[in-house]
Amino acid sequence: MHLRLRSLSLCLLAAGAVAPAQAVYVNPNGTGQALIYPYYTVNAGQQTVLSLTNTTDRVKVVQVNFREAYNGRLVLRFDVVLGAHDAWNATVAESPGGTAGIPVLALRDDSCTVPQLAYWTNPGGGGGPWQELLPYDYTGNNADGGPTAYARLREGYFELVERAELVGDLAAAANQRNCIRFEDPNAIPSNGGVRAPGGGLRGSFAIVNVAEGTILGGNATALDGFSTTPLYRSGQEPLLFDTFASPNAGSNDVSAQVPVNGRMLNLLFPANRKVDAISAVLMTDRLLGDVTREPNVGSNSEWVVAAPTKRFHTDAARQLTQLAPFTSYFNTQHAQASCAGFAAALHDRDGRAIALNYDPAGSPPANQPPPAALCHAVDVLSFAPTAAATPVLGSTFGKTLGAPSPAAEAGSLELTLGLTGQVRSYLPAGTTGPGLVGLPVVGFEAVKYVNANAAPGMLANYTLARPLGATAGCANAAGAAAACP
């Protein structure tokens, strides 16, 4: 078995395994059955370090899915087997000796993987085991109209999803690092030692620039309550987009618990809209956070906004639900993009409203992304003038939010998502409950200060990452914002 597995994955469509009495939800305690990491990058001399911890005394099989930033296409997939209270760590970095320009996932860990490390690009030796990220899912027969160069591998996001818990001999093999027992993944679900996912996974990430001495990062978003059956299919390559029957006969409805205005809404979605339960728990009406760009203290800030379920709606070749809450398919209305508008409201430190002036030339050329829109699976909103790469993260997915008028160096920003003119995007209502306005996103704010006078002849860099605030809102049957029931 090799790492170039089947191209389409729905890591979170396991929601189909949820009984009506259960509900998919974002666990505020930070542990769950699935973890969404909003960003990885190897640009500008940076590395992305990830951590995964099994906080339970039960053995877990976890699928690792790395996805590129344009369209969420898969660039690496494998399983890792975690022993009881096991912690697994890896780093996305420039290749230490592979193909130029292709990032690699490097390990300093002896937890078992499926496929085993013997099948990786570099199984061991100098620099430890590492595997190149792979362009197969957006090239050749899998081309989606986006770029096909290796550079597309260098930014994106990733998901880690619990497939099952192991008991008996399989659990003992995992705890003893007897990895040969997991060489044939098709034998795992037939062994009798597989149980349903039980949650308790916790994750974090850090973006490190060794040369500049900076580090920033945060915690993964934890989803819980979406599977009560093991995420395997015996006798075939296991794929997480398979439809899993509810253990309660007679209903395949999937429930999502969404916090709105201090209380929890319980929304039901029918079997043909299972993925919408995951989009629902991520739906965001407004993103809230701070911004800074102060030349006197060398500060810049930018927001990373990831849409981890966008591909299920907008990738026309792989669509698993309706287009909404998004408004266009990838590479149709906009070249190499799928754009959904937003409205930005900036206030300075004294609470005065500050206008954001976009490109004075007016509307962008036909088929080009508009300035006030989120257009990819990952976007980086920058508050510095347009450049080839953003000043904090070195992202090539940067979108400048326009020049403030009157001039302002710092303040608070509010983005109303899915707003184009007076039209709001919305996730249509399911079996019960209202629709939801906005877009399904997660994100964080990254801040960098450059102190040119830390000491005579010494320059110092400081970085900070913090989560963005978010609110949710309801929609009526016509898609207009409305009071929640």
Protein backbone atom coordinates (compact mmCIF):
# COMPACT_ATOMS: atom_id res chain seq x y z
CA MET A 1 0.00 0.00 0.00
CA HIS A 2 1.27 3.49 -0.77
CA LEU A 3 0.53 7.06 0.18
CA ARG A 4 -1.23 7.95 -3.08
CA LEU A 5 -4.60 6.84 -1.86
CA ARG A 6 -7.99 7.50 -3.47
CA SER A 7 -8.34 11.15 -4.30
CA LEU A 8 -11.59 12.19 -2.66
CA SER A 9 -12.01 12.15 1.08
CA LEU A 10 -14.75 13.42 3.29
CA CYS A 11 -13.07 13.33 6.63
CA LEU A 12 -16.08 14.73 8.36
CA LEU A 13 -18.95 13.17 6.45
CA ALA A 14 -18.83 10.48 9.07
CA ALA A 15 -21.65 12.56 10.46
CA GLY A 16 -23.85 9.98 8.77
CA ALA A 17 -23.04 7.67 11.64
CA VAL A 18 -24.69 9.88 14.20
CA ALA A 19 -27.87 8.70 15.85
CA PRO A 20 -30.65 11.28 16.12
CA ALA A 21 -30.09 11.47 19.89
CA GLN A 22 -26.52 12.65 19.26
CA ALA A 23 -25.25 15.84 17.71
CA VAL A 24 -22.16 17.11 15.99
CA TYR A 25 -20.69 20.05 17.90
CA VAL A 26 -17.52 22.06 18.42
CA ASN A 27 -16.17 20.98 21.80
CA PRO A 28 -15.18 24.11 23.74
CA ASN A 29 -12.86 22.00 25.91
CA GLY A 30 -10.63 21.37 22.87
CA THR A 31 -10.93 17.57 22.62
CA GLY A 32 -12.93 15.55 20.14
CA GLN A 33 -13.12 12.89 17.44
CA ALA A 34 -11.87 15.21 14.68
CA LEU A 35 -9.44 18.12 14.74
CA ILE A 36 -9.24 20.95 12.20
CA TYR A 37 -5.88 22.75 11.98
CA PRO A 38 -6.48 26.01 10.09
CA TYR A 39 -3.09 26.50 8.45
CA TYR A 40 0.26 25.09 7.48
CA THR A 41 3.03 26.83 5.54
CA VAL A 42 6.66 26.45 4.55
CA ASN A 43 6.92 29.89 2.95
CA ALA A 44 9.41 32.59 4.01
CA GLY A 45 11.73 30.14 5.74
CA GLN A 46 9.03 28.85 8.08
CA GLN A 47 8.11 25.39 9.33
CA THR A 48 4.79 24.21 10.74
CA VAL A 49 4.97 21.95 13.78
CA LEU A 50 1.90 19.93 14.72
CA SER A 51 1.03 18.02 17.85
CA LEU A 52 -1.65 15.36 18.37
CA THR A 53 -2.37 13.92 21.83
CA ASN A 54 -4.53 10.99 22.82
CA THR A 55 -5.82 12.09 26.22
CA THR A 56 -7.46 8.71 26.93
CA ASP A 57 -6.26 5.29 28.05
CA ARG A 58 -7.67 3.76 24.84
CA VAL A 59 -5.75 3.08 21.62
CA LYS A 60 -6.78 5.15 18.56
CA VAL A 61 -6.39 4.98 14.79
CA VAL A 62 -6.35 8.53 13.38
CA GLN A 63 -6.38 9.53 9.72
CA VAL A 64 -4.18 12.50 8.75
CA ASN A 65 -5.33 14.59 5.76
CA PHE A 66 -3.30 17.52 4.42
CA ARG A 67 -5.08 19.80 1.93
CA GLU A 68 -3.82 22.63 -0.28
CA ALA A 69 -5.15 26.18 0.01
CA TYR A 70 -6.77 26.76 -3.40
CA ASN A 71 -9.51 24.14 -3.53
CA GLY A 72 -8.89 21.86 -0.56
CA ARG A 73 -7.54 19.05 -2.73
CA LEU A 74 -5.68 16.30 -0.90
CA VAL A 75 -1.86 16.45 -0.85
CA LEU A 76 -1.11 13.75 1.74
CA ARG A 77 -3.05 11.08 3.59
CA PHE A 78 -2.07 8.30 5.97
CA ASP A 79 -3.08 6.83 9.33
CA VAL A 80 -1.26 7.09 12.65
CA VAL A 81 -1.88 4.63 15.50
CA LEU A 82 -1.81 6.23 18.94
CA GLY A 83 -1.23 4.21 22.08
CA ALA A 84 -2.87 5.09 25.36
CA HIS A 85 -1.94 8.67 26.36
CA ASP A 86 0.36 8.82 23.33
CA ALA A 87 1.50 12.12 21.82
CA TRP A 88 2.44 12.33 18.13
CA ASN A 89 4.46 15.17 16.63
CA ALA A 90 5.43 16.09 13.08
CA THR A 91 6.82 19.03 11.11
CA VAL A 92 5.98 20.36 7.65
CA ALA A 93 9.20 21.82 6.26
CA GLU A 94 11.29 22.37 3.17
CA SER A 95 12.64 19.10 1.77
CA PRO A 96 16.03 18.22 3.34
CA GLY A 97 17.05 16.31 0.23
CA GLY A 98 14.07 15.57 -1.98
CA THR A 99 12.54 17.41 -4.90
CA ALA A 100 13.20 21.15 -4.79
CA GLY A 101 10.18 23.21 -3.85
CA ILE A 102 8.15 20.29 -2.47
CA PRO A 103 7.50 20.42 1.28
CA VAL A 104 7.79 17.29 3.37
CA LEU A 105 6.18 15.96 6.53
CA ALA A 106 9.02 14.93 8.84
CA LEU A 107 8.67 12.79 11.99
CA ARG A 108 10.51 12.47 15.27
CA ASP A 109 8.14 9.83 16.60
CA ASP A 110 7.91 6.05 16.82
CA SER A 111 4.12 5.68 16.76
CA CYS A 112 2.97 3.27 14.06
CA THR A 113 1.80 4.65 10.73
CA VAL A 114 -0.25 3.07 7.95
CA PRO A 115 1.40 2.80 5.42
CA GLN A 116 4.53 2.07 7.44
CA LEU A 117 7.52 4.38 7.28
CA ALA A 118 9.29 1.92 4.96
CA TYR A 119 7.02 3.19 2.18
CA TRP A 120 7.75 6.89 2.79
CA THR A 121 9.95 9.01 0.53
CA ASN A 122 12.77 8.84 3.08
CA PRO A 123 12.16 5.94 5.51
CA GLY A 124 14.99 6.87 7.86
CA GLY A 125 18.63 7.75 7.97
CA GLY A 126 19.75 11.35 7.94
CA GLY A 127 17.07 13.73 9.11
CA GLY A 128 14.73 10.96 10.21
CA PRO A 129 11.74 9.67 8.23
CA TRP A 130 9.90 12.10 5.96
CA GLN A 131 7.34 12.01 3.20
CA GLU A 132 6.94 14.50 0.38
CA LEU A 133 3.57 16.18 -0.06
CA LEU A 134 2.10 14.99 -3.35
CA PRO A 135 0.47 16.90 -6.25
CA TYR A 136 -1.48 13.93 -7.64
CA ASP A 137 -4.92 15.18 -6.57
CA TYR A 138 -4.78 18.41 -8.61
CA THR A 139 -2.78 17.24 -11.67
CA GLY A 140 -3.40 14.91 -14.61
CA ASN A 141 -6.87 13.38 -14.54
CA ASN A 142 -7.51 15.16 -11.24
CA ALA A 143 -6.81 18.67 -12.57
CA ASP A 144 -9.39 21.16 -11.30
CA GLY A 145 -8.43 24.31 -13.22
CA GLY A 146 -6.14 25.54 -10.46
CA PRO A 147 -2.34 25.75 -10.65
CA THR A 148 -0.52 22.46 -11.20
CA ALA A 149 2.93 23.53 -10.00
CA TYR A 150 4.59 22.20 -6.85
CA ALA A 151 4.15 25.63 -5.28
CA ARG A 152 0.51 24.71 -4.65
CA LEU A 153 1.72 22.29 -1.96
CA ARG A 154 3.32 24.98 0.19
CA GLU A 155 0.25 26.36 2.02
CA GLY A 156 -2.98 24.84 3.19
CA TYR A 157 -4.73 23.30 6.17
CA PHE A 158 -5.11 19.80 7.60
CA GLU A 159 -7.56 17.55 9.43
CA LEU A 160 -7.00 14.66 11.83
CA VAL A 161 -9.94 12.28 12.22
CA GLU A 162 -10.35 9.38 14.64
CA ARG A 163 -11.34 6.28 12.66
CA ALA A 164 -11.67 3.78 15.49
CA GLU A 165 -10.48 2.61 18.87
CA LEU A 166 -8.51 -0.65 19.07
CA VAL A 167 -8.83 -3.34 21.71
CA GLY A 168 -7.27 -6.73 22.39
CA ASP A 169 -4.21 -7.80 20.41
CA LEU A 170 -4.32 -4.73 18.15
CA ALA A 171 -4.25 -2.41 21.13
CA ALA A 172 -1.34 -4.31 22.65
CA ALA A 173 0.56 -4.10 19.35
CA ALA A 174 0.06 -0.34 19.22
CA ASN A 175 1.26 0.22 22.77
CA GLN A 176 4.30 -2.02 22.12
CA ARG A 177 5.05 -0.29 18.76
CA ASN A 178 4.68 -3.64 17.00
CA CYS A 179 3.91 -1.86 13.73
CA ILE A 180 4.02 -4.96 11.51
CA ARG A 181 0.51 -5.77 12.80
CA PHE A 182 -0.81 -2.74 10.89
CA GLU A 183 0.91 -3.39 7.58
CA ASP A 184 -2.34 -4.47 5.90
CA PRO A 185 -4.97 -1.79 6.70
CA ASN A 186 -7.73 -3.92 5.18
CA ALA A 187 -7.15 -6.52 7.88
CA ILE A 188 -7.71 -4.05 10.70
CA PRO A 189 -11.52 -3.82 10.54
CA SER A 190 -11.75 -7.63 10.09
CA ASN A 191 -9.71 -8.36 13.20
CA GLY A 192 -12.51 -7.99 15.73
CA GLY A 193 -10.47 -5.53 17.75
CA VAL A 194 -12.08 -2.38 16.35
CA ARG A 195 -14.53 -0.19 18.24
CA ALA A 196 -16.29 3.10 17.47
CA PRO A 197 -14.37 6.38 17.86
CA GLY A 198 -14.50 7.65 21.44
CA GLY A 199 -13.03 11.14 21.18
CA GLY A 200 -10.50 12.66 23.51
CA LEU A 201 -8.06 13.84 20.82
CA ARG A 202 -6.37 17.19 21.37
CA GLY A 203 -4.20 19.10 18.90
CA SER A 204 -2.07 22.21 18.51
CA PHE A 205 0.17 23.77 15.87
CA ALA A 206 3.03 26.27 15.72
CA ILE A 207 4.55 28.18 12.80
CA VAL A 208 8.27 28.55 13.46
CA ASN A 209 10.90 30.71 11.77
CA VAL A 210 14.23 29.55 13.15
CA ALA A 211 16.29 32.25 11.44
CA GLU A 212 14.11 35.06 12.80
CA GLY A 213 13.56 33.46 16.19
CA THR A 214 9.75 33.61 15.98
CA ILE A 215 6.93 31.20 16.75
CA LEU A 216 3.16 31.56 16.64
CA GLY A 217 0.33 29.07 16.68
CA GLY A 218 -2.74 27.84 18.47
CA ASN A 219 -5.07 24.94 19.13
CA ALA A 220 -6.98 22.86 16.62
CA THR A 221 -10.77 23.17 16.45
CA ALA A 222 -12.21 19.99 17.97
CA LEU A 223 -15.39 18.39 16.61
CA ASP A 224 -17.16 15.75 18.64
CA GLY A 225 -20.20 13.54 18.45
CA PHE A 226 -20.28 12.64 14.74
CA SER A 227 -19.61 8.88 14.66
CA THR A 228 -20.87 5.93 16.67
CA THR A 229 -19.46 3.27 14.32
CA PRO A 230 -15.86 2.55 13.26
CA LEU A 231 -14.87 4.47 10.14
CA TYR A 232 -13.70 1.43 8.18
CA ARG A 233 -15.10 -0.67 5.40
CA SER A 234 -13.83 -4.24 5.49
CA GLY A 235 -12.46 -5.66 2.25
CA GLN A 236 -11.78 -2.35 0.52
CA GLU A 237 -9.59 0.68 0.87
CA PRO A 238 -11.11 2.57 3.84
CA LEU A 239 -12.47 5.95 2.88
CA LEU A 240 -14.11 8.46 5.12
CA PHE A 241 -16.58 9.75 2.52
CA ASP A 242 -18.48 6.43 2.65
CA THR A 243 -22.05 6.73 3.90
CA PHE A 244 -22.35 5.02 7.25
CA ALA A 245 -25.78 3.86 8.34
CA SER A 246 -27.17 5.20 11.59
CA PRO A 247 -27.15 2.58 14.37
CA ASN A 248 -30.76 3.54 15.06
CA ALA A 249 -32.90 1.97 12.35
CA GLY A 250 -35.37 4.18 10.56
CA SER A 251 -33.51 7.48 10.61
CA ASN A 252 -30.41 8.86 9.01
CA ASP A 253 -30.93 12.43 10.17
CA VAL A 254 -27.80 14.12 11.43
CA SER A 255 -28.01 16.65 14.23
CA ALA A 256 -25.81 19.72 14.69
CA GLN A 257 -25.62 21.82 17.82
CA VAL A 258 -24.94 25.47 17.04
CA PRO A 259 -24.48 28.15 19.73
CA VAL A 260 -26.39 31.33 18.83
CA ASN A 261 -26.88 34.30 21.16
CA GLY A 262 -25.96 32.40 24.30
CA ARG A 263 -28.10 29.33 23.69
CA MET A 264 -27.82 26.12 21.69
CA LEU A 265 -29.84 25.46 18.54
CA ASN A 266 -30.35 21.82 17.62
CA LEU A 267 -30.56 21.49 13.82
CA LEU A 268 -31.43 18.28 11.96
CA PHE A 269 -30.25 17.53 8.43
CA PRO A 270 -31.49 14.71 6.19
CA ALA A 271 -29.32 11.86 4.93
CA ASN A 272 -28.58 13.55 1.60
CA ARG A 273 -27.20 16.61 3.41
CA LYS A 274 -25.00 14.98 6.05
CA VAL A 275 -22.05 17.23 5.34
CA ASP A 276 -24.22 20.26 6.12
CA ALA A 277 -24.21 19.26 9.78
CA ILE A 278 -20.47 19.90 9.82
CA SER A 279 -20.79 23.16 7.89
CA ALA A 280 -23.53 24.21 10.33
CA VAL A 281 -21.34 23.98 13.44
CA LEU A 282 -18.72 26.15 11.69
CA MET A 283 -21.15 28.74 10.25
CA THR A 284 -20.00 32.26 11.08
CA ASP A 285 -22.03 35.42 10.60
CA ARG A 286 -19.27 37.80 11.75
CA LEU A 287 -15.54 37.48 12.45
CA LEU A 288 -14.16 39.83 15.10
CA GLY A 289 -10.58 40.73 15.95
CA ASP A 290 -7.87 43.36 16.22
CA VAL A 291 -5.60 44.82 13.55
CA THR A 292 -2.32 46.69 13.73
CA ARG A 293 0.10 48.23 11.25
CA GLU A 294 2.33 50.68 13.05
CA PRO A 295 5.58 51.55 11.25
CA ASN A 296 7.08 53.16 14.37
CA VAL A 297 7.07 49.84 16.22
CA GLY A 298 7.38 47.60 13.15
CA SER A 299 4.03 45.88 13.66
CA ASN A 300 1.84 44.05 11.17
CA SER A 301 -1.13 41.75 11.62
CA GLU A 302 -3.05 39.45 9.33
CA TRP A 303 -5.95 37.04 9.66
CA VAL A 304 -5.91 33.42 8.50
CA VAL A 305 -9.41 32.28 7.50
CA ALA A 306 -9.89 28.62 6.50
CA ALA A 307 -13.08 27.05 5.11
CA PRO A 308 -12.60 23.32 5.83
CA THR A 309 -15.93 22.18 4.34
CA LYS A 310 -15.89 24.51 1.32
CA ARG A 311 -14.75 21.78 -1.07
CA PHE A 312 -17.91 19.76 -0.41
CA HIS A 313 -19.96 22.70 -1.70
CA THR A 314 -17.84 24.34 -4.43
CA ASP A 315 -15.62 21.65 -5.98
CA ALA A 316 -17.94 20.79 -8.87
CA ALA A 317 -16.18 17.51 -9.63
CA ARG A 318 -16.52 16.37 -6.03
CA GLN A 319 -19.64 18.14 -4.78
CA LEU A 320 -21.44 16.33 -1.96
CA THR A 321 -24.15 18.86 -1.11
CA GLN A 322 -25.71 22.02 -2.54
CA LEU A 323 -23.57 25.03 -3.45
CA ALA A 324 -24.99 27.18 -0.64
CA PRO A 325 -23.81 28.86 1.52
CA PHE A 326 -21.19 29.60 -1.15
CA THR A 327 -22.14 31.36 -4.35
CA SER A 328 -19.86 30.04 -7.13
CA TYR A 329 -17.98 26.89 -8.05
CA PHE A 330 -14.20 26.77 -8.12
CA ASN A 331 -12.67 28.17 -11.33
CA THR A 332 -15.99 29.19 -12.89
CA GLN A 333 -17.05 32.74 -12.08
CA HIS A 334 -13.53 33.56 -10.84
CA ALA A 335 -10.25 32.16 -12.17
CA GLN A 336 -8.72 29.55 -9.84
CA ALA A 337 -11.06 30.67 -7.09
CA SER A 338 -14.56 30.51 -5.65
CA CYS A 339 -15.40 33.84 -4.06
CA ALA A 340 -17.91 34.85 -1.40
CA GLY A 341 -18.10 38.52 -0.45
CA PHE A 342 -17.74 40.18 2.92
CA ALA A 343 -18.23 43.65 4.40
CA ALA A 344 -15.49 45.11 6.61
CA ALA A 345 -16.13 47.58 9.43
CA LEU A 346 -12.99 49.07 11.02
CA HIS A 347 -12.89 51.26 14.13
CA ASP A 348 -9.80 52.91 15.55
CA ARG A 349 -8.78 52.84 19.21
CA ASP A 350 -11.14 55.72 19.96
CA GLY A 351 -14.11 53.94 18.41
CA ARG A 352 -14.25 56.12 15.29
CA ALA A 353 -15.42 54.43 12.10
CA ILE A 354 -12.62 54.12 9.53
CA ALA A 355 -13.37 53.53 5.86
CA LEU A 356 -11.35 50.92 3.95
CA ASN A 357 -10.65 52.07 0.41
CA TYR A 358 -10.01 49.30 -2.08
CA ASP A 359 -8.32 49.46 -5.47
CA PRO A 360 -9.04 52.98 -6.79
CA ALA A 361 -9.27 51.58 -10.31
CA GLY A 362 -12.65 50.16 -9.35
CA SER A 363 -13.90 46.68 -10.15
CA PRO A 364 -11.33 43.97 -10.92
CA PRO A 365 -11.00 42.61 -14.47
CA ALA A 366 -13.58 40.05 -15.56
CA ASN A 367 -13.12 36.60 -14.01
CA GLN A 368 -10.66 37.95 -11.42
CA PRO A 369 -11.40 37.70 -7.68
CA PRO A 370 -12.99 40.81 -6.18
CA PRO A 371 -11.12 42.61 -3.38
CA ALA A 372 -13.70 42.15 -0.61
CA ALA A 373 -14.16 38.40 -0.76
CA LEU A 374 -12.87 35.10 0.56
CA CYS A 375 -11.91 33.09 -2.50
CA HIS A 376 -10.02 29.96 -1.47
CA ALA A 377 -9.99 27.11 1.01
CA VAL A 378 -7.53 29.29 2.95
CA ASP A 379 -7.27 33.08 2.69
CA VAL A 380 -4.89 35.41 4.52
CA LEU A 381 -6.24 38.91 5.07
CA SER A 382 -3.41 41.43 5.30
CA PHE A 383 -3.40 45.02 6.49
CA ALA A 384 -0.21 45.94 4.64
CA PRO A 385 0.01 47.22 1.05
CA THR A 386 -0.34 44.61 -1.66
CA ALA A 387 2.82 42.56 -2.16
CA ALA A 388 3.84 39.19 -3.54
CA ALA A 389 3.81 37.77 -0.01
CA THR A 390 2.25 38.95 3.24
CA PRO A 391 4.63 40.49 5.82
CA VAL A 392 3.83 38.19 8.74
CA LEU A 393 3.26 34.72 7.27
CA GLY A 394 4.77 35.17 3.82
CA SER A 395 1.51 33.92 2.31
CA THR A 396 0.85 34.04 -1.42
CA PHE A 397 -2.88 33.97 -0.62
CA GLY A 398 -2.81 37.44 0.88
CA LYS A 399 -5.68 39.83 0.32
CA THR A 400 -5.18 43.46 1.31
CA LEU A 401 -8.15 45.00 3.06
CA GLY A 402 -7.63 48.44 1.57
CA ALA A 403 -6.19 51.72 2.75
CA PRO A 404 -7.82 53.15 5.93
CA SER A 405 -9.33 56.61 5.63
CA PRO A 406 -8.69 58.58 7.73
CA ALA A 407 -5.33 56.93 8.40
CA ALA A 408 -5.33 54.52 11.33
CA GLU A 409 -2.56 52.31 12.64
CA ALA A 410 -4.55 50.01 14.93
CA GLY A 411 -8.11 49.19 15.81
CA SER A 412 -10.81 46.55 15.81
CA LEU A 413 -12.20 44.91 12.70
CA GLU A 414 -15.52 43.21 12.05
CA LEU A 415 -16.12 41.15 8.91
CA THR A 416 -19.71 40.30 7.97
CA LEU A 417 -19.28 37.13 5.93
CA GLY A 418 -21.17 36.10 2.84
CA LEU A 419 -22.38 39.62 2.11
CA THR A 420 -22.38 40.99 -1.43
CA GLY A 421 -24.28 44.25 -1.68
CA GLN A 422 -27.50 43.54 0.20
CA VAL A 423 -27.48 39.78 -0.48
CA ARG A 424 -26.42 37.34 2.24
CA SER A 425 -25.17 33.82 1.68
CA TYR A 426 -26.80 31.22 3.89
CA LEU A 427 -26.90 27.52 4.67
CA PRO A 428 -30.49 26.38 3.94
CA ALA A 429 -32.52 24.95 6.81
CA GLY A 430 -32.55 21.21 7.26
CA THR A 431 -35.28 18.90 8.52
CA THR A 432 -35.86 21.11 11.54
CA GLY A 433 -34.50 24.46 12.67
CA PRO A 434 -33.64 27.66 10.82
CA GLY A 435 -31.07 28.33 8.13
CA LEU A 436 -27.81 30.04 9.07
CA VAL A 437 -26.27 33.16 7.50
CA GLY A 438 -22.59 33.58 6.71
CA LEU A 439 -19.88 31.04 5.85
CA PRO A 440 -18.38 27.95 7.58
CA VAL A 441 -14.89 29.09 8.63
CA VAL A 442 -12.24 28.88 11.34
CA GLY A 443 -9.27 31.18 11.79
CA PHE A 444 -6.81 33.16 13.87
CA GLU A 445 -4.97 36.46 13.96
CA ALA A 446 -1.17 36.53 13.52
CA VAL A 447 0.81 39.56 14.75
CA LYS A 448 4.49 40.39 14.27
CA TYR A 449 6.61 43.15 15.79
CA VAL A 450 10.10 43.99 14.54
CA ASN A 451 12.21 45.90 17.06
CA ALA A 452 15.19 47.44 15.30
CA ASN A 453 16.55 48.88 18.56
CA ALA A 454 16.37 45.99 21.02
CA ALA A 455 20.02 46.76 21.81
CA PRO A 456 22.85 48.48 19.93
CA GLY A 457 23.25 46.60 16.68
CA MET A 458 20.57 44.06 17.62
CA LEU A 459 17.24 43.44 15.93
CA ALA A 460 14.49 41.45 17.66
CA ASN A 461 11.28 39.90 16.33
CA TYR A 462 8.17 39.11 18.34
CA THR A 463 5.09 37.19 17.21
CA LEU A 464 1.68 36.47 18.63
CA ALA A 465 -1.32 34.39 17.53
CA ARG A 466 -4.80 34.58 18.99
CA PRO A 467 -8.17 33.19 17.96
CA LEU A 468 -10.70 35.36 16.17
CA GLY A 469 -14.05 36.07 17.76
CA ALA A 470 -17.12 34.83 15.93
CA THR A 471 -20.90 35.09 16.03
CA ALA A 472 -23.60 33.00 14.36
CA GLY A 473 -26.94 34.16 12.98
CA CYS A 474 -30.15 32.67 11.60
CA ALA A 475 -31.77 32.97 8.19
CA ASN A 476 -35.39 32.69 7.10
CA ALA A 477 -36.61 30.54 4.19
CA ALA A 478 -35.68 33.29 1.72
CA GLY A 479 -32.14 33.47 3.04
CA ALA A 480 -32.43 36.85 4.73
CA ALA A 481 -31.01 37.36 8.22
CA ALA A 482 -33.76 36.78 10.78
CA ALA A 483 -34.25 36.39 14.50
CA CYS A 484 -33.45 32.90 15.74
CA PRO A 485 -36.39 30.85 17.05
